[in-house]
Protein backbone atom coordinates (compact mmCIF):
# COMPACT_ATOMS: atom_id res chain seq x y z
CA UNK A 1 132.45 90.05 83.93
CA UNK A 2 134.46 88.21 81.31
CA UNK A 3 131.35 86.29 80.18
CA UNK A 4 129.36 89.52 79.88
CA UNK A 5 132.18 91.20 77.94
CA UNK A 6 132.42 88.26 75.55
CA UNK A 7 128.67 88.31 74.94
CA UNK A 8 128.45 92.09 74.54
CA UNK A 9 131.45 92.55 72.23
CA UNK A 10 130.46 92.83 68.60
CA UNK A 11 132.71 92.64 65.56
CA UNK A 12 132.44 95.02 62.61
CA UNK A 13 131.25 92.18 60.36
CA UNK A 14 128.50 91.23 62.86
CA UNK A 15 127.35 94.86 63.03
CA UNK A 16 127.40 95.13 59.22
CA UNK A 17 125.30 92.00 58.87
CA UNK A 18 122.79 93.22 61.46
CA UNK A 19 122.53 96.61 59.75
CA UNK A 20 121.98 94.85 56.41
CA UNK A 21 119.08 93.01 58.05
CA UNK A 22 117.67 96.28 59.41
CA UNK A 23 117.83 97.85 55.94
CA UNK A 24 116.10 94.80 54.44
CA UNK A 25 113.30 95.18 56.97
CA UNK A 26 113.10 98.86 55.99
CA UNK A 27 112.32 97.63 52.47
CA UNK A 28 109.49 95.58 54.04
CA UNK A 29 111.37 92.36 53.32
CA UNK A 30 110.76 89.83 56.12
CA UNK A 31 113.96 88.00 55.13
CA UNK A 32 115.80 90.77 56.95
CA UNK A 33 115.23 88.73 60.12
CA UNK A 34 117.59 86.08 58.72
CA UNK A 35 120.51 88.51 59.12
CA UNK A 36 120.16 88.81 62.90
CA UNK A 37 121.75 86.80 65.68
CA UNK A 38 118.65 86.14 67.80
CA UNK A 39 120.49 84.36 70.62
CA UNK A 40 120.96 85.92 74.06
CA UNK A 41 124.42 86.98 72.91
CA UNK A 42 122.86 88.64 69.88
CA UNK A 43 120.51 90.58 72.16
CA UNK A 44 123.43 91.93 74.19
CA UNK A 45 125.35 92.80 71.02
CA UNK A 46 122.35 94.61 69.53
CA UNK A 47 122.69 97.27 72.21
CA UNK A 48 125.78 98.44 70.30
CA UNK A 49 123.15 100.15 68.14
CA UNK A 50 122.61 102.60 71.03
CA UNK A 51 126.18 103.88 70.52
CA UNK A 52 125.52 104.38 66.79
CA UNK A 53 122.27 106.26 67.45
CA UNK A 54 123.62 108.43 70.29
CA UNK A 55 125.36 111.18 68.23
CA UNK A 56 122.27 111.90 66.13
CA UNK A 57 119.98 111.71 69.13
CA UNK A 58 122.25 114.03 71.13
CA UNK A 59 122.37 116.59 68.31
CA UNK A 60 118.58 116.78 68.02
CA UNK A 61 118.14 116.73 71.81
CA UNK A 62 120.57 119.61 72.38
CA UNK A 63 119.31 121.68 69.44
CA UNK A 64 115.71 121.33 70.60
CA UNK A 65 116.62 122.50 74.12
CA UNK A 66 119.27 125.07 73.21
CA UNK A 67 117.06 128.05 74.15
CA UNK A 68 116.57 126.84 77.75
CA UNK A 69 119.69 128.70 78.96
CA UNK A 70 120.76 125.81 81.15
CA UNK A 71 124.33 124.63 81.71
CA UNK A 72 125.46 122.20 79.04
CA UNK A 73 126.53 119.64 81.66
CA UNK A 74 122.97 119.56 83.04
CA UNK A 75 121.41 119.16 79.59
CA UNK A 76 123.89 116.43 78.69
CA UNK A 77 123.61 114.53 81.99
CA UNK A 78 119.81 114.42 82.11
CA UNK A 79 119.59 113.75 78.38
CA UNK A 80 122.02 110.82 78.70
CA UNK A 81 120.15 109.34 81.67
CA UNK A 82 116.83 109.58 79.78
CA UNK A 83 118.50 108.05 76.72
CA UNK A 84 119.77 105.03 78.68
CA UNK A 85 116.38 104.57 80.38
CA UNK A 86 114.60 104.65 77.00
CA UNK A 87 116.91 101.91 75.66
CA UNK A 88 116.23 99.72 78.70
CA UNK A 89 112.52 100.43 79.30
CA UNK A 90 111.10 98.84 76.14
CA UNK A 91 113.03 95.54 76.42
CA UNK A 92 111.94 95.24 80.05
CA UNK A 93 108.30 95.99 79.23
CA UNK A 94 108.34 93.70 76.20
CA UNK A 95 109.45 90.74 78.31
CA UNK A 96 106.07 90.86 80.05
CA UNK A 97 104.14 91.73 76.90
CA UNK A 98 105.66 88.80 74.97
CA UNK A 99 104.63 86.56 77.85
CA UNK A 100 101.04 87.85 77.59
CA UNK A 101 101.03 87.43 73.80
CA UNK A 102 102.51 83.93 74.06
CA UNK A 103 105.53 85.09 72.03
CA UNK A 104 108.30 84.28 74.52
CA UNK A 105 110.26 82.39 71.85
CA UNK A 106 110.25 85.47 69.59
CA UNK A 107 111.27 88.00 72.24
CA UNK A 108 115.00 87.95 71.40
CA UNK A 109 114.29 88.42 67.70
CA UNK A 110 112.10 91.43 68.40
CA UNK A 111 114.67 93.10 70.65
CA UNK A 112 117.51 92.55 68.17
CA UNK A 113 115.50 93.76 65.16
CA UNK A 114 114.10 96.73 67.07
CA UNK A 115 117.51 97.81 68.36
CA UNK A 116 119.20 97.65 64.95
CA UNK A 117 116.11 99.20 63.35
CA UNK A 118 116.66 102.25 65.56
CA UNK A 119 119.82 102.99 63.55
CA UNK A 120 117.82 103.11 60.31
CA UNK A 121 115.12 105.25 61.91
CA UNK A 122 117.73 107.66 63.24
CA UNK A 123 119.39 107.95 59.83
CA UNK A 124 116.00 108.91 58.40
CA UNK A 125 114.72 111.19 61.15
CA UNK A 126 117.74 113.15 62.39
CA UNK A 127 118.62 115.11 59.21
CA UNK A 128 114.96 115.99 58.66
CA UNK A 129 114.49 116.93 62.34
CA UNK A 130 117.45 119.32 62.10
CA UNK A 131 116.03 120.77 58.87
CA UNK A 132 112.64 121.20 60.54
CA UNK A 133 114.18 123.26 63.35
CA UNK A 134 115.05 125.83 60.72
CA UNK A 135 111.33 126.29 60.13
CA UNK A 136 109.19 126.23 57.03
CA UNK A 137 106.17 124.24 55.94
CA UNK A 138 108.13 122.00 53.54
CA UNK A 139 110.45 120.90 56.35
CA UNK A 140 107.43 120.25 58.61
CA UNK A 141 105.77 118.12 55.91
CA UNK A 142 109.00 116.21 55.29
CA UNK A 143 109.31 115.56 59.02
CA UNK A 144 105.72 114.32 59.23
CA UNK A 145 106.34 111.95 56.30
CA UNK A 146 109.56 110.69 57.93
CA UNK A 147 107.79 110.07 61.26
CA UNK A 148 105.03 108.13 59.47
CA UNK A 149 107.66 106.08 57.60
CA UNK A 150 109.48 105.35 60.89
CA UNK A 151 106.21 104.24 62.53
CA UNK A 152 105.38 101.95 59.59
CA UNK A 153 108.89 100.52 59.85
CA UNK A 154 108.42 99.88 63.58
CA UNK A 155 105.08 98.24 62.82
CA UNK A 156 106.71 95.96 60.25
CA UNK A 157 109.48 95.00 62.68
CA UNK A 158 106.94 94.11 65.39
CA UNK A 159 104.69 92.19 62.99
CA UNK A 160 107.56 90.27 61.37
CA UNK A 161 109.71 89.51 64.40
CA UNK A 162 106.85 88.55 66.72
CA UNK A 163 104.63 87.00 64.03
CA UNK A 164 101.57 88.91 65.27
CA UNK A 165 98.65 90.42 63.36
CA UNK A 166 98.75 94.01 62.11
CA UNK A 167 96.46 95.34 64.84
CA UNK A 168 98.65 93.91 67.63
CA UNK A 169 101.78 95.25 65.91
CA UNK A 170 100.17 98.70 65.71
CA UNK A 171 99.37 98.54 69.43
CA UNK A 172 102.99 97.70 70.20
CA UNK A 173 104.21 100.66 68.15
CA UNK A 174 101.83 103.00 69.98
CA UNK A 175 102.97 101.55 73.32
CA UNK A 176 106.64 102.04 72.38
CA UNK A 177 105.98 105.62 71.26
CA UNK A 178 104.10 106.47 74.47
CA UNK A 179 106.87 104.92 76.57
CA UNK A 180 109.48 107.04 74.76
CA UNK A 181 107.39 110.19 75.18
CA UNK A 182 106.93 109.43 78.89
CA UNK A 183 110.68 108.99 79.45
CA UNK A 184 111.47 112.16 77.45
CA UNK A 185 108.78 114.10 79.29
CA UNK A 186 110.05 112.93 82.66
CA UNK A 187 113.56 113.99 81.66
CA UNK A 188 112.29 117.43 80.65
CA UNK A 189 110.39 117.83 83.93
CA UNK A 190 113.59 117.03 85.86
CA UNK A 191 115.55 119.34 83.56
CA UNK A 192 113.28 122.31 84.22
CA UNK A 193 113.06 121.85 87.98
CA UNK A 194 114.46 124.79 89.86
């Protein structure tokens, strides 16, 4: 336990440095990878990003399902379980995919960059998603542009961290998106079960 705690604890300066790397990658600067700790300890620490993303994710999740007339505890519990599964599913799947792509040595870098990149994507998507819920074609167009930007960002992270071609990186982004949609859909099916 003590070893795990030591590996998973992250200092504010480490988090700041990782976020600086994520923002560099958002500017399509491959040198953003230099900011990350790509050791096993860095992988564990990168899951601190899940805590930073959670409030924004929870807000959008609850607003989108507010008209379901379900108890808040049920919405929160199933939403939290789906959230945890989504943060674990991609790293587990990518372990096998990196093996197939002969990118084992770049696996840690991908996980770290992808996890911290989720913070940047959330900062972009959440305010626009909330705006979109208010309705209007401008909000819908803004949301579409933000989703496209987030997908391009994910593509750049995959391409840069794994050193793969653009087509392979695009496939990984599609896979990640489908995996997220599957987990969310499964959560919603469980949520709506009588």
